[in-house]
N, C-alpha and C. Protein backbone atom coordinates (compact mmCIF):
# COMPACT_ATOMS: atom_id res chain seq x y z
N MET A 1 95.49 102.20 102.62
CA MET A 1 94.32 102.49 103.37
C MET A 1 94.25 103.70 103.10
N LYS A 2 92.65 104.07 103.21
CA LYS A 2 92.50 105.30 103.46
C LYS A 2 91.84 105.54 104.35
N ILE A 3 91.89 107.43 104.95
CA ILE A 3 91.65 107.74 105.80
C ILE A 3 89.69 108.40 105.68
N LYS A 4 89.21 108.00 106.14
CA LYS A 4 87.76 108.63 106.33
C LYS A 4 86.80 109.17 107.27
N ILE A 5 85.82 110.22 106.88
CA ILE A 5 85.48 110.47 108.16
C ILE A 5 84.06 109.87 108.29
N CYS A 6 83.87 109.95 109.03
CA CYS A 6 82.77 109.40 110.34
C CYS A 6 81.46 109.93 109.45
N LYS A 7 80.85 109.44 108.99
CA LYS A 7 79.53 110.30 108.36
C LYS A 7 77.71 109.44 108.77
N SER A 8 77.83 108.87 109.47
CA SER A 8 76.97 107.89 109.52
C SER A 8 77.13 107.21 111.01
N LEU A 9 75.86 107.19 111.58
CA LEU A 9 75.77 106.27 112.96
C LEU A 9 76.13 104.76 112.57
N ASN A 10 75.90 104.16 111.83
CA ASN A 10 76.70 103.04 111.63
C ASN A 10 77.53 102.80 111.69
N THR A 11 78.38 103.96 110.66
CA THR A 11 80.09 103.75 111.37
C THR A 11 80.22 103.61 112.56
N LEU A 12 80.16 105.37 112.95
CA LEU A 12 80.01 105.18 114.40
C LEU A 12 79.94 104.33 115.42
N ASN A 13 79.37 103.61 115.07
CA ASN A 13 78.72 102.43 116.07
C ASN A 13 79.94 101.27 115.63
N LYS A 14 80.50 101.23 114.74
CA LYS A 14 81.73 100.42 114.16
C LYS A 14 83.23 101.01 114.94
N ILE A 15 83.32 102.27 115.18
CA ILE A 15 84.28 102.48 115.76
C ILE A 15 84.05 102.85 117.11
N GLY A 16 82.88 102.56 117.37
CA GLY A 16 82.62 103.07 119.06
C GLY A 16 82.84 101.18 119.49
N SER A 17 82.47 100.27 118.53
CA SER A 17 82.99 99.04 118.98
C SER A 17 84.90 99.25 119.25
N LEU A 18 85.67 99.32 118.13
CA LEU A 18 86.64 99.79 118.63
C LEU A 18 87.31 100.20 119.80
N ARG A 19 86.85 101.22 120.16
CA ARG A 19 87.06 102.11 121.52
C ARG A 19 86.53 101.17 122.53
N TYR A 20 85.52 99.87 122.45
CA TYR A 20 85.40 99.64 123.62
C TYR A 20 86.23 98.39 123.88
N GLN A 21 86.42 97.86 122.62
CA GLN A 21 87.72 96.73 122.58
C GLN A 21 88.58 97.49 123.28
N VAL A 22 89.06 98.53 123.08
CA VAL A 22 90.60 98.93 123.41
C VAL A 22 90.75 99.43 124.69
N TYR A 23 89.55 100.18 125.01
CA TYR A 23 89.40 100.67 126.52
C TYR A 23 89.18 100.35 127.79
N HIS A 24 88.29 99.47 126.85
CA HIS A 24 87.68 99.01 128.30
C HIS A 24 87.86 97.29 128.45
N LEU A 25 87.94 96.46 127.09
CA LEU A 25 88.50 94.98 127.15
C LEU A 25 90.18 94.89 127.54
N GLU A 26 91.05 95.55 126.79
CA GLU A 26 92.36 95.54 126.86
C GLU A 26 92.20 96.24 127.97
N GLN A 27 92.20 97.49 128.10
CA GLN A 27 92.67 98.63 129.26
C GLN A 27 92.00 98.52 130.27
N ASN A 28 90.86 98.00 130.43
CA ASN A 28 89.79 97.88 131.87
C ASN A 28 89.76 99.91 132.54
N LYS A 29 89.34 100.44 131.39
CA LYS A 29 88.85 101.58 131.50
C LYS A 29 87.31 101.75 131.98
N ASN A 30 87.27 101.85 133.16
CA ASN A 30 85.53 102.06 133.12
C ASN A 30 84.82 103.31 133.66
N HIS A 31 86.00 104.21 133.81
CA HIS A 31 85.43 105.84 134.18
C HIS A 31 84.59 106.64 132.49
N LEU A 32 85.34 106.04 131.46
CA LEU A 32 84.53 106.21 130.43
C LEU A 32 83.73 107.03 130.44
N ASP A 33 82.78 108.02 129.65
CA ASP A 33 81.62 108.04 129.90
C ASP A 33 81.02 107.79 128.45
N GLY A 34 80.19 107.01 128.75
CA GLY A 34 79.39 106.02 127.04
C GLY A 34 79.37 104.73 126.92
N LEU A 35 80.05 104.43 128.46
CA LEU A 35 80.31 102.64 127.76
C LEU A 35 79.14 102.04 127.35
N ASP A 36 78.48 101.20 126.72
CA ASP A 36 77.31 100.24 126.61
C ASP A 36 77.89 99.16 126.48
N HIS A 37 77.60 98.42 127.60
CA HIS A 37 78.15 97.33 127.63
C HIS A 37 77.70 96.05 127.07
N GLU A 38 76.12 96.06 127.01
CA GLU A 38 75.11 95.35 126.30
C GLU A 38 75.56 95.75 124.92
N LEU A 39 75.87 96.54 124.42
CA LEU A 39 75.94 96.68 122.95
C LEU A 39 77.58 96.60 122.42
N GLN A 40 78.44 97.05 123.62
CA GLN A 40 79.84 96.67 123.38
C GLN A 40 80.65 97.26 122.40
N ILE A 41 79.84 99.00 122.67
CA ILE A 41 80.42 100.09 122.24
C ILE A 41 80.85 101.47 123.23
N LEU A 42 81.77 102.18 122.51
CA LEU A 42 81.87 103.55 123.42
C LEU A 42 81.54 104.69 122.59
N THR A 43 80.32 105.77 122.74
CA THR A 43 79.84 106.49 122.29
C THR A 43 79.58 107.51 123.23
N ASN A 44 79.93 109.01 122.93
CA ASN A 44 78.85 109.55 123.80
C ASN A 44 78.69 111.01 123.27
N SER A 45 77.89 111.98 123.96
CA SER A 45 77.31 112.81 123.36
C SER A 45 78.50 114.10 122.76
N LYS A 46 79.75 114.24 122.87
CA LYS A 46 80.60 114.38 122.10
C LYS A 46 81.02 114.29 120.64
N ASP A 47 80.46 112.87 120.38
CA ASP A 47 80.57 112.28 119.42
C ASP A 47 79.51 113.54 118.24
N PHE A 48 78.69 113.52 118.80
CA PHE A 48 77.64 114.54 117.92
C PHE A 48 77.72 116.25 118.11
N GLN A 49 78.84 116.74 118.55
CA GLN A 49 78.89 118.31 119.11
C GLN A 49 79.82 118.27 117.84
N ASN A 50 79.89 118.38 116.75
CA ASN A 50 80.30 119.07 116.06
C ASN A 50 81.81 118.68 115.88
N SER A 51 82.17 117.24 116.23
CA SER A 51 83.44 116.68 116.34
C SER A 51 83.56 116.03 114.77
N ILE A 52 84.56 115.85 114.28
CA ILE A 52 85.44 115.45 113.02
C ILE A 52 86.01 114.16 113.81
N ILE A 53 85.36 112.49 113.13
CA ILE A 53 86.02 111.54 113.71
C ILE A 53 86.76 110.70 112.53
N LEU A 54 87.72 110.79 112.64
CA LEU A 54 88.52 110.43 111.59
C LEU A 54 88.82 108.71 111.66
N PHE A 55 89.08 107.60 110.91
CA PHE A 55 89.02 106.41 110.72
C PHE A 55 89.83 105.68 110.02
N ILE A 56 89.91 104.34 109.80
CA ILE A 56 90.80 103.43 108.59
C ILE A 56 90.70 102.34 109.00
N GLU A 57 89.39 101.73 107.63
CA GLU A 57 88.76 100.35 107.74
C GLU A 57 90.27 99.45 107.12
N LYS A 58 90.05 98.23 107.43
CA LYS A 58 90.46 97.43 106.38
C LYS A 58 89.54 95.84 106.29
N GLY A 59 89.04 96.09 105.07
CA GLY A 59 87.83 95.21 105.06
C GLY A 59 86.72 95.77 105.50
N SER A 60 85.87 95.62 106.58
CA SER A 60 84.55 96.22 107.29
C SER A 60 84.99 96.14 108.19
N ASP A 61 86.18 96.19 108.91
CA ASP A 61 86.82 96.58 109.89
C ASP A 61 87.55 97.58 110.22
N VAL A 62 87.24 98.74 111.69
CA VAL A 62 87.69 99.65 111.94
C VAL A 62 89.01 99.72 112.66
N ILE A 63 89.77 99.96 112.00
CA ILE A 63 91.38 99.48 112.99
C ILE A 63 91.94 100.57 113.42
N GLY A 64 91.64 101.57 113.26
CA GLY A 64 92.77 102.96 113.60
C GLY A 64 91.56 103.81 113.61
N THR A 65 91.15 105.20 114.56
CA THR A 65 90.75 105.81 114.51
C THR A 65 90.80 107.38 115.59
N LEU A 66 90.34 108.93 115.65
CA LEU A 66 90.33 109.52 116.38
C LEU A 66 89.32 110.57 116.26
N ARG A 67 89.53 111.33 117.60
CA ARG A 67 88.10 112.26 117.32
C ARG A 67 88.77 113.96 117.67
N PHE A 68 88.51 114.77 117.11
CA PHE A 68 88.96 116.00 116.84
C PHE A 68 87.90 116.80 116.92
N GLN A 69 88.11 118.22 117.80
CA GLN A 69 86.61 119.11 118.16
C GLN A 69 87.17 120.51 118.25
N HIS A 70 86.66 121.55 117.94
CA HIS A 70 87.06 122.82 118.29
C HIS A 70 86.65 122.79 119.77
N VAL A 71 87.05 123.68 120.83
CA VAL A 71 86.76 124.34 121.92
C VAL A 71 87.22 125.60 121.96
N GLU A 72 85.54 125.80 122.57
CA GLU A 72 86.17 127.43 123.08
C GLU A 72 87.05 127.77 123.97
N PHE A 73 87.90 129.17 123.38
CA PHE A 73 88.15 129.26 124.94
C PHE A 73 87.39 130.24 126.04
N GLY A 74 87.89 129.66 127.17
CA GLY A 74 87.42 130.08 128.21
C GLY A 74 87.65 129.39 129.69
N PRO A 75 87.15 130.02 131.12
CA PRO A 75 87.72 128.89 132.01
C PRO A 75 87.81 127.64 132.10
N LYS A 76 87.00 126.92 131.49
CA LYS A 76 86.89 125.23 131.85
C LYS A 76 88.20 125.00 131.18
N LEU A 77 88.92 125.33 129.74
CA LEU A 77 90.18 125.22 129.00
C LEU A 77 90.93 125.80 129.62
N MET A 78 91.06 126.93 130.33
CA MET A 78 92.08 127.48 130.79
C MET A 78 92.98 126.66 132.11
N ASN A 79 91.58 125.82 133.06
CA ASN A 79 91.72 125.78 134.33
C ASN A 79 92.13 124.05 133.77
N LYS A 80 91.74 123.81 133.07
CA LYS A 80 92.16 121.96 132.67
C LYS A 80 93.53 122.10 132.25
N TYR A 81 93.90 123.21 131.11
CA TYR A 81 95.57 122.76 131.27
C TYR A 81 96.67 123.86 131.46
N ASN A 82 95.98 124.26 132.22
CA ASN A 82 96.93 125.56 132.49
C ASN A 82 97.13 126.69 131.56
N ILE A 83 96.36 126.93 130.92
CA ILE A 83 96.50 128.07 129.38
C ILE A 83 96.47 129.26 130.32
N GLU A 84 97.27 130.20 130.12
CA GLU A 84 97.09 131.72 130.34
C GLU A 84 96.50 132.70 128.82
N LYS A 85 95.47 133.38 129.02
CA LYS A 85 95.09 133.98 128.19
C LYS A 85 96.04 134.96 126.98
N SER A 86 95.52 135.17 125.89
CA SER A 86 96.67 135.24 124.57
C SER A 86 96.28 136.76 124.60
N SER A 87 97.41 137.63 124.19
CA SER A 87 97.28 138.61 123.64
C SER A 87 96.55 138.81 122.43
N VAL A 88 96.67 137.90 121.71
CA VAL A 88 95.53 137.77 120.38
C VAL A 88 94.79 136.62 120.14
N PRO A 89 93.65 136.73 119.72
CA PRO A 89 93.01 136.29 119.72
C PRO A 89 93.30 134.29 118.93
N LEU A 90 92.93 133.31 119.67
CA LEU A 90 93.72 131.84 119.03
C LEU A 90 92.51 130.71 119.16
N LYS A 91 92.91 130.17 117.76
CA LYS A 91 91.70 129.06 117.90
C LYS A 91 92.17 127.32 118.61
N TYR A 92 91.59 126.95 119.41
CA TYR A 92 91.84 125.81 120.02
C TYR A 92 91.30 124.30 119.71
N ALA A 93 91.53 123.59 119.46
CA ALA A 93 91.35 122.35 119.63
C ALA A 93 91.18 120.84 120.14
N GLU A 94 90.63 119.76 120.39
CA GLU A 94 91.19 118.78 121.44
C GLU A 94 91.00 117.47 120.46
N VAL A 95 91.69 116.46 120.28
CA VAL A 95 92.09 115.41 120.52
C VAL A 95 92.09 114.63 121.04
N ASP A 96 91.16 113.29 120.92
CA ASP A 96 90.87 112.53 122.03
C ASP A 96 90.50 111.01 121.23
N PHE A 97 90.28 110.23 122.20
CA PHE A 97 89.87 108.58 121.55
C PHE A 97 90.94 108.72 120.26
N PHE A 98 92.04 108.51 120.81
CA PHE A 98 92.86 108.22 118.89
C PHE A 98 93.46 106.68 119.58
N ILE A 99 93.02 106.45 119.21
CA ILE A 99 93.37 104.27 118.86
C ILE A 99 93.54 103.81 117.99
N VAL A 100 94.34 102.76 117.90
CA VAL A 100 94.38 101.64 116.76
C VAL A 100 94.74 100.24 117.09
N ASP A 101 94.09 99.84 116.51
CA ASP A 101 93.61 98.27 116.99
C ASP A 101 94.79 97.45 117.29
N LYS A 102 94.90 96.56 118.33
CA LYS A 102 96.44 96.03 118.37
C LYS A 102 97.24 95.08 118.01
N ASN A 103 96.57 94.84 116.51
CA ASN A 103 96.88 94.14 115.25
C ASN A 103 97.93 94.60 114.87
N HIS A 104 97.79 96.10 114.99
CA HIS A 104 98.30 97.04 113.88
C HIS A 104 98.59 98.65 114.18
N ARG A 105 99.19 98.18 116.18
CA ARG A 105 100.22 99.60 116.13
C ARG A 105 101.67 99.42 115.70
N ASN A 106 102.27 98.46 115.20
CA ASN A 106 103.29 98.81 115.02
C ASN A 106 103.38 99.29 113.44
N SER A 107 102.19 99.88 112.86
CA SER A 107 102.34 100.19 111.89
C SER A 107 102.57 101.56 111.43
N THR A 108 102.28 102.24 110.18
CA THR A 108 102.16 103.38 110.34
C THR A 108 100.64 104.28 110.74
N ILE A 109 99.45 103.89 110.98
CA ILE A 109 98.33 103.94 110.84
C ILE A 109 98.31 105.37 111.88
N SER A 110 99.00 105.09 113.22
CA SER A 110 98.65 106.45 113.97
C SER A 110 99.52 107.63 113.34
N SER A 111 100.40 107.24 112.38
CA SER A 111 101.33 108.56 112.11
C SER A 111 100.44 109.29 111.00
N MET A 112 99.39 108.11 110.05
CA MET A 112 98.94 108.61 108.81
C MET A 112 97.39 109.41 109.58
N LEU A 113 96.90 108.60 110.82
CA LEU A 113 95.99 109.82 111.21
C LEU A 113 96.17 110.90 111.87
N ALA A 114 97.50 111.00 112.33
CA ALA A 114 97.67 112.19 112.96
C ALA A 114 98.12 113.14 111.91
N CYS A 115 98.84 112.92 111.04
CA CYS A 115 99.14 113.83 109.66
C CYS A 115 98.05 114.43 109.15
N GLU A 116 96.92 113.37 108.98
CA GLU A 116 95.66 113.88 108.19
C GLU A 116 94.77 114.92 109.16
N ILE A 117 95.23 114.69 110.63
CA ILE A 117 94.08 115.86 111.37
C ILE A 117 94.86 116.86 111.60
N TYR A 118 96.43 116.92 111.51
CA TYR A 118 96.91 118.31 111.33
C TYR A 118 96.91 119.01 110.57
N TYR A 119 96.58 118.17 109.46
CA TYR A 119 96.33 119.10 107.95
C TYR A 119 94.65 119.62 107.98
N LEU A 120 93.91 119.08 108.27
CA LEU A 120 92.48 119.16 108.44
C LEU A 120 92.35 120.68 109.29
N ALA A 121 93.38 120.42 110.41
CA ALA A 121 93.29 121.96 111.40
C ALA A 121 93.78 122.94 110.71
N LEU A 122 95.04 122.78 109.65
CA LEU A 122 95.27 124.03 109.23
C LEU A 122 95.07 124.38 108.55
N GLN A 123 93.77 123.63 107.94
CA GLN A 123 92.90 124.12 106.77
C GLN A 123 91.66 125.09 107.41
N GLN A 124 91.58 125.11 108.79
CA GLN A 124 90.68 125.47 109.51
C GLN A 124 90.69 126.38 110.58
N ARG A 125 92.26 126.78 110.48
CA ARG A 125 93.07 127.96 111.19
C ARG A 125 93.28 127.49 112.38
N ILE A 126 93.06 126.10 113.03
CA ILE A 126 93.99 126.22 114.49
C ILE A 126 94.80 126.35 114.60
N ASN A 127 94.81 127.18 115.72
CA ASN A 127 96.43 127.53 116.42
C ASN A 127 96.84 126.73 116.99
N ILE A 128 96.29 126.35 118.14
CA ILE A 128 96.54 124.81 119.64
C ILE A 128 95.53 123.96 119.40
N CYS A 129 96.16 123.16 119.34
CA CYS A 129 95.68 121.46 119.39
C CYS A 129 96.00 120.64 120.92
N LEU A 130 95.28 120.60 121.77
CA LEU A 130 95.61 120.03 123.32
C LEU A 130 95.05 118.46 123.11
N ILE A 131 95.72 117.46 123.82
CA ILE A 131 95.41 116.30 124.10
C ILE A 131 95.99 115.80 125.45
N GLU A 132 95.36 114.76 125.96
CA GLU A 132 95.59 114.49 127.07
C GLU A 132 95.83 112.55 127.10
N ILE A 133 97.11 112.42 127.38
CA ILE A 133 97.61 111.06 126.84
C ILE A 133 98.00 109.94 128.11
N GLU A 134 98.26 108.99 128.34
CA GLU A 134 99.02 107.64 129.01
C GLU A 134 100.18 108.14 129.30
N ASP A 135 101.29 108.50 129.79
CA ASP A 135 102.23 109.09 130.22
C ASP A 135 103.05 108.15 129.45
N PHE A 136 102.98 106.73 128.74
CA PHE A 136 103.80 105.94 128.09
C PHE A 136 103.91 106.67 126.72
N LEU A 137 102.75 107.03 126.25
CA LEU A 137 102.53 107.51 124.86
C LEU A 137 103.65 108.92 124.52
N GLU A 138 104.05 109.81 125.51
CA GLU A 138 104.50 111.09 125.64
C GLU A 138 105.59 111.17 124.37
N LYS A 139 106.77 110.26 124.14
CA LYS A 139 107.29 110.51 123.31
C LYS A 139 106.98 110.39 122.40
N PHE A 140 105.75 109.33 121.39
CA PHE A 140 105.68 109.51 120.52
C PHE A 140 104.75 110.89 119.89
N TYR A 141 103.96 111.72 120.98
CA TYR A 141 103.75 112.44 120.49
C TYR A 141 104.78 113.86 120.56
N GLN A 142 105.56 114.00 121.08
CA GLN A 142 106.73 114.58 121.24
C GLN A 142 107.64 114.89 119.56
N ARG A 143 107.70 113.38 119.24
CA ARG A 143 108.58 113.52 117.86
C ARG A 143 107.24 113.96 117.08
N LEU A 144 106.23 114.07 117.28
CA LEU A 144 105.01 114.70 116.58
C LEU A 144 105.50 116.36 116.52
N GLY A 145 105.67 116.61 117.38
CA GLY A 145 105.59 118.30 117.62
C GLY A 145 105.19 118.57 118.76
N PHE A 146 104.49 117.92 119.62
CA PHE A 146 103.80 118.47 121.06
C PHE A 146 104.86 118.61 121.94
N LYS A 147 104.40 119.45 123.26
CA LYS A 147 105.14 119.85 123.95
C LYS A 147 104.22 119.31 125.43
N LEU A 148 104.78 118.96 126.51
CA LEU A 148 104.40 118.52 127.39
C LEU A 148 103.56 119.92 128.61
N ILE A 149 102.48 120.09 128.67
CA ILE A 149 102.14 121.35 129.71
C ILE A 149 101.99 120.61 131.39
N LYS A 150 101.58 119.69 131.57
CA LYS A 150 101.63 118.87 133.06
C LYS A 150 101.03 117.56 132.94
N ARG A 151 101.60 117.05 134.09
CA ARG A 151 100.87 116.08 134.68
C ARG A 151 100.03 115.61 135.76
N VAL A 152 98.85 114.92 135.06
CA VAL A 152 97.66 115.04 135.97
C VAL A 152 97.60 113.81 136.85
N ASP A 153 97.18 113.52 138.47
CA ASP A 153 97.15 112.09 139.08
C ASP A 153 95.91 112.09 139.28
N TYR A 154 94.75 111.13 138.37
CA TYR A 154 93.28 111.18 138.67
C TYR A 154 93.23 109.65 139.81
N LYS A 155 92.49 109.38 140.08
CA LYS A 155 92.05 108.56 140.38
C LYS A 155 92.06 106.92 139.79
N TYR A 156 92.32 107.34 137.90
CA TYR A 156 92.33 106.38 137.49
C TYR A 156 93.68 106.33 137.00
N GLY A 157 94.48 106.92 137.17
CA GLY A 157 95.79 107.06 136.75
C GLY A 157 96.24 108.13 136.37
N SER A 158 97.78 107.99 136.37
CA SER A 158 98.56 109.56 135.52
C SER A 158 98.19 109.81 134.39
N ARG A 159 98.21 110.94 133.81
CA ARG A 159 97.67 111.35 132.26
C ARG A 159 98.82 113.06 132.27
N SER A 160 99.23 112.56 130.90
CA SER A 160 100.01 113.79 130.57
C SER A 160 98.93 115.10 130.05
N GLN A 161 98.88 115.99 130.01
CA GLN A 161 98.80 116.71 129.31
C GLN A 161 99.36 117.76 128.27
N MET A 162 99.51 117.58 126.49
CA MET A 162 100.18 118.20 125.87
C MET A 162 99.57 119.01 124.94
N SER A 163 100.28 120.22 124.61
CA SER A 163 100.21 121.08 123.29
C SER A 163 100.85 121.15 121.99
N LEU A 164 100.68 121.52 121.01
CA LEU A 164 100.98 121.57 119.65
C LEU A 164 100.44 122.87 118.79
N ASN A 165 101.54 123.77 119.16
CA ASN A 165 101.24 125.05 118.47
C ASN A 165 101.57 124.75 116.67
N LEU A 166 100.08 124.55 115.66
CA LEU A 166 100.38 124.21 114.56
C LEU A 166 101.41 124.94 113.97
N MET A 167 101.53 126.79 114.14
CA MET A 167 102.58 127.37 113.12
C MET A 167 103.96 127.24 113.41
N ASP A 168 104.51 126.64 114.68
CA ASP A 168 105.57 126.88 115.20
C ASP A 168 106.48 125.88 114.20
N ILE A 169 107.11 126.08 113.47
CA ILE A 169 107.41 125.16 112.38
C ILE A 169 108.82 125.54 112.37
N ASN A 170 109.87 126.18 113.73
CA ASN A 170 110.90 126.16 113.77
C ASN A 170 111.38 124.86 114.86
N HIS A 171 110.12 124.70 115.81
CA HIS A 171 109.90 123.73 116.33
C HIS A 171 109.86 122.35 116.00
N LEU A 172 108.60 122.01 115.02
CA LEU A 172 108.03 121.51 113.98
C LEU A 172 109.91 120.64 113.18
N LEU A 173 110.43 121.76 113.01
CA LEU A 173 111.64 121.05 112.07
C LEU A 173 112.52 121.00 113.15
N LYS A 174 112.95 121.30 114.19
CA LYS A 174 114.13 120.74 115.64
C LYS A 174 113.72 119.19 115.64
N VAL A 175 112.63 119.19 116.01
CA VAL A 175 111.83 117.34 116.01
C VAL A 175 111.75 116.90 115.02
N ARG A 176 112.05 117.23 113.87
CA ARG A 176 111.60 116.31 112.39
C ARG A 176 110.26 115.91 112.31
N SER A 177 109.36 116.33 112.63
CA SER A 177 108.01 116.37 112.62
C SER A 177 107.70 115.83 111.42
N PRO A 178 107.13 114.80 111.48
CA PRO A 178 106.21 114.87 109.81
C PRO A 178 105.53 115.05 109.45
N PHE A 179 104.82 116.31 110.63
CA PHE A 179 103.76 117.76 109.92
C PHE A 179 104.51 118.53 109.28
N VAL A 180 105.77 118.68 109.23
CA VAL A 180 106.58 119.74 108.63
C VAL A 180 106.03 119.77 106.80
N GLU A 181 105.42 118.43 106.35
CA GLU A 181 105.65 118.36 105.03
C GLU A 181 103.85 118.90 104.82
N TYR A 182 103.24 118.58 105.45
CA TYR A 182 101.92 119.36 105.19
C TYR A 182 101.68 120.89 106.03
N TYR A 183 102.72 121.40 106.83
CA TYR A 183 102.47 123.10 106.59
C TYR A 183 102.97 123.32 105.66
N ASN A 184 104.05 122.97 105.20
CA ASN A 184 104.36 123.14 103.93
C ASN A 184 103.80 123.65 102.72
N LYS A 185 102.67 122.44 102.73
CA LYS A 185 101.82 122.15 101.64
C LYS A 185 100.88 123.37 101.81
N THR A 186 100.31 122.92 102.82
CA THR A 186 99.33 124.39 103.18
C THR A 186 99.60 125.80 103.00
N GLN A 187 100.91 126.23 103.32
CA GLN A 187 101.46 127.10 102.86
C GLN A 187 101.22 127.56 101.52
N LYS A 188 101.88 126.39 100.67
CA LYS A 188 101.94 126.95 99.38
C LYS A 188 100.59 127.57 99.06
N TYR A 189 99.50 126.49 99.20
CA TYR A 189 98.44 126.30 98.59
C TYR A 189 97.63 128.04 99.26
N ILE A 190 98.33 128.38 100.40
CA ILE A 190 97.79 129.90 100.98
C ILE A 190 98.48 130.64 100.35
N ASN A 191 100.12 130.38 99.58
CA ASN A 191 100.61 131.82 99.10
C ASN A 191 99.69 131.88 97.68
N GLU A 192 99.79 130.42 96.99
CA GLU A 192 99.10 130.39 95.73
C GLU A 192 97.53 131.12 95.75
N SER A 193 97.05 130.76 96.68
CA SER A 193 95.53 131.49 96.77
C SER A 193 95.48 132.93 96.67
N VAL A 194 96.47 133.32 97.76
CA VAL A 194 97.11 134.96 97.69
C VAL A 194 97.29 135.67 96.42
N ILE A 195 98.21 134.94 95.74
CA ILE A 195 98.74 135.49 94.33
C ILE A 195 97.40 135.54 93.54
N LYS A 196 96.51 134.62 93.16
CA LYS A 196 95.65 134.08 92.55
C LYS A 196 94.54 135.24 92.66
N SER A 197 94.33 135.74 94.06
CA SER A 197 93.44 136.59 94.20
C SER A 197 93.75 138.34 94.03
N LYS A 198 95.23 138.53 94.27
CA LYS A 198 95.97 139.73 93.77
C LYS A 198 95.36 139.42 92.33
N THR A 199 95.56 139.09 91.27
CA THR A 199 95.72 138.97 89.70
C THR A 199 94.30 138.76 89.51
N ASP A 200 93.47 138.12 89.96
CA ASP A 200 91.92 138.33 89.94
C ASP A 200 91.78 139.75 90.36
N ASN A 201 91.93 140.62 91.18
CA ASN A 201 91.60 141.52 91.60
C ASN A 201 92.44 142.34 90.36
N GLU A 202 93.27 142.70 89.57
CA GLU A 202 93.85 143.19 89.01
C GLU A 202 93.35 143.76 87.78
N GLN A 203 92.87 142.11 87.60
CA GLN A 203 92.07 142.09 86.00
C GLN A 203 90.93 142.69 86.42
N SER A 204 90.28 142.61 87.32
CA SER A 204 88.75 143.04 87.20
C SER A 204 88.75 144.71 87.25
N VAL A 205 89.95 145.22 88.20
CA VAL A 205 90.15 146.51 87.95
C VAL A 205 90.64 147.02 86.27
N TYR A 206 90.99 146.09 86.08
CA TYR A 206 91.59 146.50 84.55
C TYR A 206 90.17 146.30 83.56
N SER A 207 89.28 145.66 83.63
CA SER A 207 87.99 145.55 82.96
C SER A 207 87.40 146.81 83.53
N ARG A 208 87.10 147.16 84.38
CA ARG A 208 86.27 148.01 84.82
C ARG A 208 87.14 149.10 84.28
N LEU A 209 88.25 149.62 83.95
CA LEU A 209 89.17 150.94 83.38
C LEU A 209 88.66 151.03 82.11
N SER A 210 88.79 149.88 81.52
CA SER A 210 88.98 149.35 79.84
C SER A 210 87.11 149.95 79.62
N ASN A 211 86.55 149.60 80.31
CA ASN A 211 85.33 149.73 79.86
C ASN A 211 84.71 151.24 79.54
């Protein structure tokens, strides 16, 4: 099965249908912004704010999806996740609406989607990824390399807030995260690019000196 990026409203509506099925019909979450009971879809304004929405299809049905979005560092983010200002500039992103169809939850789909978005985030130079999840999912995210920030009690239930330092290879190795493979792949690409850039520059200098 191939992971794709949502690029059309028709596809977004299909993704919204799975969200509605999981969040509303299965889990009875009526607090979520964007529930459309007439169309039986769940979409909202964040879908159109430079988000990357990944999905996997089986036939014509979406069976897994997640949403990824860059977020500006500021008071709102700091207060939500108890983040302190870093001495060096960091790029942050949030992942949400990460769901899999109930008939495929024992498959590798969750891991596939997680690895794909990690790889894309590395390519975009994201430093920290943040997510808010239901408590029972905490172990799954710990195995990926996320660390618990805090637990929050809402009127609709308890949630765990977690963060992932994408470049903390020592921690990823410690928990045997599947992200290690993608980290190494990206570092190899960066190193090869640097070498090629230096070689091209040296050739350019040599060419100028020879003329």
